[in-house]
Amino acid sequence: MFAVLCLLLFLPAQARASPEELCVLLSPKKGATLTSSPITITLLIHEEAKVGTFKASLNGTDITDKFVHSETGSTLLVGPQDGLKVLSKGQPRSYEKNILWPSIEGTGGERDIDVVRFLVTDHPNPAKTL
């Protein structure tokens, strides 16, 4: 089963966070091609963000309520049944791109919305086999 593990870590506030710093996606990188599973999605959440306003969507499917929250952060496992697209050999690359939209609001009402596209394949060297 393909899965996504999302870990939310809290960053210390040294100065007022800009909207782009409220939620920082460390992985996967924009445009990444991942060939192994489970994949890890890592978000850093600034302490000036209101964690209760966090929302996340994967390929248009709301995955916010699937997060399990703890004192150290939040985790999430997502597979194809939850909207994760996996490119199989022979499919067009554009068909199976995943789009992740995490968003969160800051204490001043500003909102950080990220849009990241990435590819997950079920075979190695997708560029050579397509």
N, C-alpha and C. Protein backbone atom coordinates (compact mmCIF):
# COMPACT_ATOMS: atom_id res chain seq x y z
N MET A 1 0.85 -1.19 0.00
CA MET A 1 0.00 0.00 0.00
C MET A 1 0.88 1.24 0.00
N PHE A 2 0.51 2.21 -0.82
CA PHE A 2 1.23 3.48 -0.86
C PHE A 2 0.68 4.35 0.26
N ALA A 3 1.55 5.06 0.94
CA ALA A 3 1.10 5.85 2.07
C ALA A 3 1.86 7.16 2.11
N VAL A 4 1.23 8.13 2.72
CA VAL A 4 1.85 9.42 2.93
C VAL A 4 1.92 9.63 4.42
N LEU A 5 3.11 9.98 4.91
CA LEU A 5 3.29 10.27 6.31
C LEU A 5 3.56 11.76 6.43
N CYS A 6 2.72 12.44 7.14
CA CYS A 6 2.86 13.89 7.29
C CYS A 6 3.18 14.19 8.73
N LEU A 7 4.30 14.86 8.96
CA LEU A 7 4.72 15.21 10.31
C LEU A 7 4.75 16.72 10.42
N LEU A 8 3.97 17.26 11.35
CA LEU A 8 3.96 18.70 11.58
C LEU A 8 4.88 19.01 12.75
N LEU A 9 5.86 19.86 12.52
CA LEU A 9 6.79 20.29 13.55
C LEU A 9 6.57 21.77 13.79
N PHE A 10 6.80 22.20 14.98
CA PHE A 10 6.59 23.60 15.31
C PHE A 10 7.93 24.33 15.34
N LEU A 11 7.98 25.45 14.63
CA LEU A 11 9.18 26.28 14.57
C LEU A 11 9.09 27.38 15.60
N PRO A 12 10.21 27.71 16.26
CA PRO A 12 10.18 28.83 17.21
C PRO A 12 10.03 30.15 16.47
N ALA A 13 9.32 31.08 17.09
CA ALA A 13 9.13 32.39 16.48
C ALA A 13 10.22 33.33 16.95
N GLN A 14 11.10 33.75 16.05
CA GLN A 14 12.13 34.71 16.39
C GLN A 14 11.69 36.09 15.94
N ALA A 15 10.91 36.15 14.90
CA ALA A 15 10.35 37.39 14.38
C ALA A 15 8.98 37.05 13.83
N ARG A 16 8.19 38.05 13.58
CA ARG A 16 6.85 37.81 13.05
C ARG A 16 6.96 37.04 11.73
N ALA A 17 6.21 35.97 11.61
CA ALA A 17 6.26 35.12 10.42
C ALA A 17 5.54 35.79 9.27
N SER A 18 6.13 35.69 8.08
CA SER A 18 5.43 36.14 6.88
C SER A 18 4.43 35.05 6.51
N PRO A 19 3.41 35.37 5.72
CA PRO A 19 2.44 34.34 5.35
C PRO A 19 3.08 33.10 4.73
N GLU A 20 4.15 33.27 3.95
CA GLU A 20 4.81 32.14 3.31
C GLU A 20 5.54 31.24 4.30
N GLU A 21 5.77 31.71 5.52
CA GLU A 21 6.51 30.94 6.52
C GLU A 21 5.61 30.22 7.51
N LEU A 22 4.30 30.44 7.44
CA LEU A 22 3.41 29.80 8.40
C LEU A 22 3.40 28.28 8.25
N CYS A 23 3.44 27.81 7.02
CA CYS A 23 3.46 26.38 6.71
C CYS A 23 4.50 26.17 5.62
N VAL A 24 5.61 25.52 5.96
CA VAL A 24 6.68 25.30 4.99
C VAL A 24 6.73 23.81 4.66
N LEU A 25 6.54 23.49 3.40
CA LEU A 25 6.59 22.12 2.93
C LEU A 25 8.03 21.77 2.59
N LEU A 26 8.62 20.82 3.32
CA LEU A 26 10.00 20.41 3.06
C LEU A 26 10.09 19.26 2.07
N SER A 27 9.13 18.38 2.08
CA SER A 27 9.14 17.27 1.13
C SER A 27 7.71 16.77 0.93
N PRO A 28 7.37 16.36 -0.29
CA PRO A 28 8.23 16.28 -1.45
C PRO A 28 8.47 17.66 -2.06
N LYS A 29 9.55 17.79 -2.77
CA LYS A 29 9.86 19.04 -3.46
C LYS A 29 8.94 19.18 -4.67
N LYS A 30 8.70 20.42 -5.08
CA LYS A 30 7.89 20.66 -6.27
C LYS A 30 8.51 19.93 -7.46
N GLY A 31 7.68 19.20 -8.19
CA GLY A 31 8.15 18.50 -9.38
C GLY A 31 8.88 17.20 -9.12
N ALA A 32 8.95 16.75 -7.87
CA ALA A 32 9.68 15.53 -7.54
C ALA A 32 9.00 14.31 -8.14
N THR A 33 9.82 13.30 -8.45
CA THR A 33 9.33 11.99 -8.85
C THR A 33 9.77 11.00 -7.78
N LEU A 34 8.81 10.39 -7.12
CA LEU A 34 9.09 9.45 -6.04
C LEU A 34 8.83 8.04 -6.54
N THR A 35 9.78 7.15 -6.31
CA THR A 35 9.65 5.78 -6.82
C THR A 35 9.59 4.75 -5.71
N SER A 36 9.41 5.19 -4.50
CA SER A 36 9.31 4.24 -3.40
C SER A 36 8.15 4.64 -2.49
N SER A 37 7.70 3.70 -1.72
CA SER A 37 6.64 4.00 -0.77
C SER A 37 6.95 3.31 0.54
N PRO A 38 6.48 3.81 1.68
CA PRO A 38 5.63 5.00 1.71
C PRO A 38 6.44 6.27 1.43
N ILE A 39 5.76 7.31 1.01
CA ILE A 39 6.42 8.60 0.82
C ILE A 39 6.18 9.44 2.06
N THR A 40 7.11 10.31 2.35
CA THR A 40 7.00 11.16 3.52
C THR A 40 6.76 12.59 3.09
N ILE A 41 5.71 13.18 3.62
CA ILE A 41 5.45 14.61 3.42
C ILE A 41 5.76 15.28 4.75
N THR A 42 6.64 16.26 4.73
CA THR A 42 7.04 16.94 5.94
C THR A 42 6.69 18.42 5.86
N LEU A 43 5.92 18.89 6.81
CA LEU A 43 5.54 20.30 6.91
C LEU A 43 6.07 20.87 8.22
N LEU A 44 6.62 22.06 8.16
CA LEU A 44 6.99 22.79 9.36
C LEU A 44 5.94 23.86 9.59
N ILE A 45 5.35 23.87 10.78
CA ILE A 45 4.31 24.83 11.12
C ILE A 45 4.87 25.82 12.13
N HIS A 46 4.83 27.08 11.78
CA HIS A 46 5.34 28.15 12.65
C HIS A 46 4.41 28.31 13.85
N GLU A 47 4.96 28.68 15.00
CA GLU A 47 4.14 28.81 16.21
C GLU A 47 3.12 29.95 16.11
N GLU A 48 3.29 30.87 15.16
CA GLU A 48 2.31 31.93 14.97
C GLU A 48 1.13 31.48 14.10
N ALA A 49 1.16 30.24 13.64
CA ALA A 49 0.05 29.70 12.87
C ALA A 49 -0.99 29.12 13.82
N LYS A 50 -2.25 29.23 13.43
CA LYS A 50 -3.34 28.63 14.19
C LYS A 50 -3.54 27.22 13.67
N VAL A 51 -3.07 26.24 14.42
CA VAL A 51 -3.11 24.85 13.98
C VAL A 51 -4.55 24.41 13.68
N GLY A 52 -5.52 24.95 14.41
CA GLY A 52 -6.92 24.60 14.18
C GLY A 52 -7.46 25.02 12.82
N THR A 53 -6.73 25.91 12.12
CA THR A 53 -7.17 26.35 10.80
C THR A 53 -6.49 25.57 9.67
N PHE A 54 -5.65 24.61 10.04
CA PHE A 54 -4.93 23.81 9.04
C PHE A 54 -5.92 23.02 8.18
N LYS A 55 -5.70 23.05 6.87
CA LYS A 55 -6.49 22.27 5.92
C LYS A 55 -5.53 21.67 4.91
N ALA A 56 -5.89 20.53 4.39
CA ALA A 56 -5.07 19.90 3.36
C ALA A 56 -5.95 19.17 2.37
N SER A 57 -5.56 19.26 1.11
CA SER A 57 -6.27 18.60 0.03
C SER A 57 -5.26 17.87 -0.83
N LEU A 58 -5.58 16.64 -1.24
CA LEU A 58 -4.75 15.87 -2.15
C LEU A 58 -5.58 15.53 -3.37
N ASN A 59 -5.21 16.10 -4.51
CA ASN A 59 -5.93 15.87 -5.76
C ASN A 59 -7.41 16.18 -5.66
N GLY A 60 -7.75 17.25 -4.93
CA GLY A 60 -9.13 17.67 -4.79
C GLY A 60 -9.91 16.97 -3.69
N THR A 61 -9.29 16.01 -3.01
CA THR A 61 -9.94 15.30 -1.92
C THR A 61 -9.49 15.90 -0.60
N ASP A 62 -10.43 16.31 0.23
CA ASP A 62 -10.10 16.88 1.54
C ASP A 62 -9.53 15.77 2.43
N ILE A 63 -8.30 15.96 2.87
CA ILE A 63 -7.64 14.97 3.74
C ILE A 63 -7.38 15.53 5.13
N THR A 64 -7.92 16.71 5.43
CA THR A 64 -7.68 17.38 6.71
C THR A 64 -8.04 16.50 7.90
N ASP A 65 -9.23 15.89 7.87
CA ASP A 65 -9.72 15.12 9.01
C ASP A 65 -9.00 13.79 9.19
N LYS A 66 -8.15 13.41 8.27
CA LYS A 66 -7.41 12.16 8.38
C LYS A 66 -6.15 12.30 9.23
N PHE A 67 -5.80 13.53 9.60
CA PHE A 67 -4.62 13.75 10.41
C PHE A 67 -4.84 13.26 11.84
N VAL A 68 -3.83 12.65 12.40
CA VAL A 68 -3.83 12.24 13.80
C VAL A 68 -2.90 13.21 14.52
N HIS A 69 -3.44 13.96 15.48
CA HIS A 69 -2.68 15.01 16.15
C HIS A 69 -2.09 14.49 17.47
N SER A 70 -0.89 14.95 17.79
CA SER A 70 -0.23 14.61 19.04
C SER A 70 0.57 15.82 19.51
N GLU A 71 1.21 15.70 20.66
CA GLU A 71 2.01 16.81 21.18
C GLU A 71 3.20 17.13 20.29
N THR A 72 3.72 16.16 19.57
CA THR A 72 4.89 16.38 18.72
C THR A 72 4.54 16.75 17.29
N GLY A 73 3.28 16.74 16.93
CA GLY A 73 2.87 17.08 15.58
C GLY A 73 1.67 16.28 15.15
N SER A 74 1.49 16.18 13.84
CA SER A 74 0.37 15.44 13.27
C SER A 74 0.88 14.52 12.19
N THR A 75 0.27 13.35 12.08
CA THR A 75 0.68 12.40 11.06
C THR A 75 -0.51 12.00 10.20
N LEU A 76 -0.21 11.53 9.02
CA LEU A 76 -1.25 11.14 8.08
C LEU A 76 -0.72 10.05 7.17
N LEU A 77 -1.51 9.00 7.00
CA LEU A 77 -1.21 7.95 6.03
C LEU A 77 -2.27 8.01 4.94
N VAL A 78 -1.84 8.13 3.68
CA VAL A 78 -2.78 8.22 2.56
C VAL A 78 -2.32 7.27 1.47
N GLY A 79 -3.26 6.52 0.96
CA GLY A 79 -2.97 5.62 -0.15
C GLY A 79 -3.86 5.94 -1.33
N PRO A 80 -3.81 5.13 -2.38
CA PRO A 80 -4.64 5.36 -3.55
C PRO A 80 -6.14 5.47 -3.22
N GLN A 81 -6.60 4.74 -2.22
CA GLN A 81 -8.01 4.81 -1.85
C GLN A 81 -8.39 6.19 -1.31
N ASP A 82 -7.40 6.99 -0.92
CA ASP A 82 -7.64 8.34 -0.41
C ASP A 82 -7.35 9.41 -1.44
N GLY A 83 -7.02 9.02 -2.67
CA GLY A 83 -6.78 10.01 -3.72
C GLY A 83 -5.35 10.10 -4.21
N LEU A 84 -4.40 9.35 -3.61
CA LEU A 84 -3.02 9.38 -4.09
C LEU A 84 -2.96 8.70 -5.45
N LYS A 85 -2.39 9.39 -6.43
CA LYS A 85 -2.27 8.84 -7.77
C LYS A 85 -0.90 8.21 -7.93
N VAL A 86 -0.89 7.01 -8.51
CA VAL A 86 0.36 6.29 -8.74
C VAL A 86 0.47 5.98 -10.22
N LEU A 87 1.54 6.43 -10.83
CA LEU A 87 1.77 6.23 -12.26
C LEU A 87 2.23 4.80 -12.52
N SER A 88 1.51 4.11 -13.37
CA SER A 88 1.90 2.76 -13.79
C SER A 88 2.60 2.84 -15.13
N LYS A 89 3.43 1.87 -15.41
CA LYS A 89 4.17 1.83 -16.67
C LYS A 89 3.20 1.93 -17.84
N GLY A 90 3.49 2.82 -18.78
CA GLY A 90 2.68 2.98 -19.96
C GLY A 90 1.65 4.10 -19.90
N GLN A 91 1.40 4.65 -18.71
CA GLN A 91 0.44 5.75 -18.60
C GLN A 91 1.12 7.08 -18.92
N PRO A 92 0.38 8.06 -19.44
CA PRO A 92 0.97 9.39 -19.66
C PRO A 92 1.35 10.03 -18.33
N ARG A 93 2.51 10.66 -18.28
CA ARG A 93 3.00 11.27 -17.03
C ARG A 93 2.03 12.30 -16.47
N SER A 94 1.39 13.08 -17.33
CA SER A 94 0.50 14.14 -16.84
C SER A 94 -0.72 13.58 -16.12
N TYR A 95 -1.11 12.36 -16.45
CA TYR A 95 -2.31 11.76 -15.87
C TYR A 95 -2.16 11.53 -14.37
N GLU A 96 -1.01 11.15 -13.92
CA GLU A 96 -0.85 10.72 -12.54
C GLU A 96 -0.09 11.70 -11.65
N LYS A 97 -0.05 12.97 -12.01
CA LYS A 97 0.60 13.95 -11.12
C LYS A 97 -0.30 14.22 -9.93
N ASN A 98 0.29 14.22 -8.76
CA ASN A 98 -0.43 14.53 -7.52
C ASN A 98 -0.31 16.02 -7.23
N ILE A 99 -1.38 16.58 -6.70
CA ILE A 99 -1.37 17.98 -6.30
C ILE A 99 -1.78 18.04 -4.84
N LEU A 100 -0.89 18.56 -4.01
CA LEU A 100 -1.12 18.70 -2.58
C LEU A 100 -1.29 20.18 -2.27
N TRP A 101 -2.39 20.51 -1.55
CA TRP A 101 -2.68 21.89 -1.16
C TRP A 101 -2.79 21.98 0.35
N PRO A 102 -1.71 22.22 1.07
CA PRO A 102 -1.84 22.51 2.50
C PRO A 102 -2.05 24.02 2.70
N SER A 103 -2.87 24.39 3.68
CA SER A 103 -3.07 25.80 3.99
C SER A 103 -3.29 25.96 5.49
N ILE A 104 -2.96 27.15 5.98
CA ILE A 104 -3.12 27.45 7.40
C ILE A 104 -3.23 28.95 7.58
N GLU A 105 -3.90 29.38 8.63
CA GLU A 105 -4.07 30.80 8.93
C GLU A 105 -3.14 31.19 10.07
N GLY A 106 -2.64 32.43 10.00
CA GLY A 106 -1.80 32.97 11.06
C GLY A 106 -2.62 33.72 12.10
N THR A 107 -1.97 34.10 13.20
CA THR A 107 -2.67 34.80 14.27
C THR A 107 -3.17 36.17 13.84
N GLY A 108 -2.60 36.74 12.78
CA GLY A 108 -3.05 38.03 12.26
C GLY A 108 -4.09 37.91 11.17
N GLY A 109 -4.56 36.71 10.88
CA GLY A 109 -5.58 36.51 9.85
C GLY A 109 -5.01 36.20 8.47
N GLU A 110 -3.70 36.30 8.29
CA GLU A 110 -3.10 35.98 6.99
C GLU A 110 -3.16 34.47 6.76
N ARG A 111 -3.17 34.04 5.50
CA ARG A 111 -3.27 32.63 5.16
C ARG A 111 -2.10 32.22 4.27
N ASP A 112 -1.50 31.09 4.59
CA ASP A 112 -0.43 30.50 3.79
C ASP A 112 -1.03 29.32 3.03
N ILE A 113 -1.00 29.38 1.71
CA ILE A 113 -1.50 28.29 0.86
C ILE A 113 -0.36 27.86 -0.05
N ASP A 114 -0.02 26.59 0.00
CA ASP A 114 1.02 26.04 -0.87
C ASP A 114 0.36 25.13 -1.89
N VAL A 115 0.95 25.03 -3.08
CA VAL A 115 0.50 24.11 -4.10
C VAL A 115 1.74 23.38 -4.60
N VAL A 116 1.75 22.07 -4.41
CA VAL A 116 2.92 21.27 -4.80
C VAL A 116 2.46 20.11 -5.67
N ARG A 117 3.08 20.00 -6.85
CA ARG A 117 2.81 18.87 -7.75
C ARG A 117 3.98 17.91 -7.66
N PHE A 118 3.66 16.62 -7.58
CA PHE A 118 4.70 15.59 -7.53
C PHE A 118 4.15 14.31 -8.15
N LEU A 119 5.05 13.41 -8.49
CA LEU A 119 4.70 12.17 -9.16
C LEU A 119 5.11 10.99 -8.29
N VAL A 120 4.25 9.98 -8.21
CA VAL A 120 4.58 8.73 -7.53
C VAL A 120 4.44 7.63 -8.57
N THR A 121 5.47 6.80 -8.70
CA THR A 121 5.43 5.72 -9.67
C THR A 121 5.51 4.36 -8.98
N ASP A 122 5.06 3.35 -9.67
CA ASP A 122 5.18 1.99 -9.15
C ASP A 122 6.31 1.22 -9.83
N HIS A 123 7.19 1.96 -10.53
CA HIS A 123 8.32 1.33 -11.21
C HIS A 123 9.51 2.29 -11.21
N PRO A 124 10.74 1.77 -11.23
CA PRO A 124 11.92 2.62 -11.26
C PRO A 124 12.13 3.25 -12.64
N ASN A 125 12.88 4.33 -12.67
CA ASN A 125 13.26 5.01 -13.92
C ASN A 125 12.07 5.32 -14.83
N PRO A 126 11.08 6.10 -14.32
CA PRO A 126 9.89 6.35 -15.14
C PRO A 126 10.17 7.06 -16.45
N ALA A 127 11.19 7.91 -16.51
CA ALA A 127 11.47 8.63 -17.75
C ALA A 127 11.95 7.66 -18.84
N LYS A 128 12.64 6.59 -18.44
CA LYS A 128 13.17 5.63 -19.41
C LYS A 128 12.15 4.60 -19.85
N THR A 129 11.10 4.38 -19.04
CA THR A 129 10.16 3.31 -19.36
C THR A 129 8.88 3.82 -20.00
N LEU A 130 8.69 5.12 -20.07
CA LEU A 130 7.45 5.66 -20.65
C LEU A 130 7.63 5.96 -22.11
